[in-house]
Amino acid sequence: MALFRTVSEAEATGKVKAVYDDIKATKKIDVVPNFWKALSVNPEHLEAVWQKLKVVMKPGKLDPLTKEIIALAVSITNNCEY
């Protein structure tokens, strides 16, 4: 049983749908990860977090793949279950 309600992809409208669509297009995936669905109850926060992540993950001194690998390594080191 979930601790709080999220917005599924099927019921997403407006800002949530737009962010979900952008996440799938940007990451080239077919399903929105649960992390983003957990933020969906507050569409403004969902959009802000997604926009910030897109800026952070842009190519720079490190390419996006290297940044993803670092994020994964940090998550593993911190024993994240997600």
Protein backbone atom coordinates (compact mmCIF):
# COMPACT_ATOMS: atom_id res chain seq x y z
CA MET A 1 0.00 0.00 0.00
CA ALA A 2 1.36 3.41 -0.99
CA LEU A 3 2.03 6.00 1.68
CA PHE A 4 0.79 8.81 -0.54
CA ARG A 5 -1.04 9.30 -3.80
CA THR A 6 0.81 9.81 -7.07
CA VAL A 7 -0.38 10.74 -10.55
CA SER A 8 -0.19 7.82 -12.95
CA GLU A 9 0.78 8.38 -16.56
CA ALA A 10 -2.74 7.48 -17.65
CA GLU A 11 -4.35 10.15 -15.46
CA ALA A 12 -1.70 12.85 -15.95
CA THR A 13 -2.94 16.14 -17.40
CA GLY A 14 -1.62 19.66 -17.80
CA LYS A 15 1.79 20.38 -16.31
CA VAL A 16 2.25 16.84 -14.98
CA LYS A 17 1.60 15.33 -18.41
CA ALA A 18 3.95 17.81 -20.05
CA VAL A 19 6.75 16.96 -17.60
CA TYR A 20 6.10 13.22 -17.92
CA ASP A 21 6.27 13.50 -21.71
CA ASP A 22 9.49 15.52 -21.51
CA ILE A 23 11.07 13.01 -19.12
CA LYS A 24 10.29 10.13 -21.48
CA ALA A 25 11.50 12.04 -24.54
CA THR A 26 14.67 13.36 -22.91
CA LYS A 27 15.68 10.06 -21.33
CA LYS A 28 14.42 7.99 -24.29
CA ILE A 29 12.34 5.74 -22.03
CA ASP A 30 8.78 4.42 -22.26
CA VAL A 31 7.77 4.62 -18.59
CA VAL A 32 8.11 7.48 -16.10
CA PRO A 33 10.20 6.32 -13.10
CA ASN A 34 8.46 6.25 -9.71
CA PHE A 35 10.75 9.01 -8.40
CA TRP A 36 9.04 11.49 -10.72
CA LYS A 37 5.59 10.13 -9.97
CA ALA A 38 6.27 10.72 -6.27
CA LEU A 39 6.74 14.42 -7.05
CA SER A 40 3.60 14.57 -9.19
CA VAL A 41 1.27 15.56 -6.35
CA ASN A 42 2.82 19.04 -6.57
CA PRO A 43 3.08 19.86 -10.28
CA GLU A 44 5.10 23.05 -9.71
CA HIS A 45 7.68 21.19 -7.64
CA LEU A 46 7.80 18.33 -10.16
CA GLU A 47 8.47 20.81 -12.97
CA ALA A 48 11.11 22.73 -10.97
CA VAL A 49 13.04 19.60 -9.99
CA TRP A 50 12.92 18.25 -13.56
CA GLN A 51 14.10 21.57 -15.04
CA LYS A 52 16.96 21.78 -12.53
CA LEU A 53 18.04 18.22 -13.29
CA LYS A 54 18.05 18.95 -17.02
CA VAL A 55 20.38 21.91 -16.42
CA VAL A 56 22.71 19.91 -14.17
CA MET A 57 22.89 17.00 -16.62
CA LYS A 58 23.67 19.11 -19.69
CA PRO A 59 27.01 18.38 -21.32
CA GLY A 60 29.79 20.45 -19.80
CA LYS A 61 33.16 19.45 -18.42
CA LEU A 62 31.60 16.02 -17.99
CA ASP A 63 29.33 14.33 -20.50
CA PRO A 64 25.80 13.27 -19.43
CA LEU A 65 26.69 9.56 -19.28
CA THR A 66 29.55 10.23 -16.85
CA LYS A 67 27.21 12.35 -14.73
CA GLU A 68 24.64 9.51 -14.68
CA ILE A 69 27.35 7.02 -13.65
CA ILE A 70 28.46 9.30 -10.82
CA ALA A 71 24.85 9.69 -9.64
CA LEU A 72 24.41 5.92 -9.70
CA ALA A 73 27.65 5.38 -7.77
CA VAL A 74 26.60 7.90 -5.12
CA SER A 75 23.20 6.21 -4.79
CA ILE A 76 24.82 2.80 -4.36
CA THR A 77 27.32 4.18 -1.83
CA ASN A 78 24.44 5.68 0.16
CA ASN A 79 22.48 2.39 0.04
CA CYS A 80 19.56 3.97 -1.82
CA GLU A 81 16.87 1.40 -2.50
CA TYR A 82 15.54 3.23 -5.56
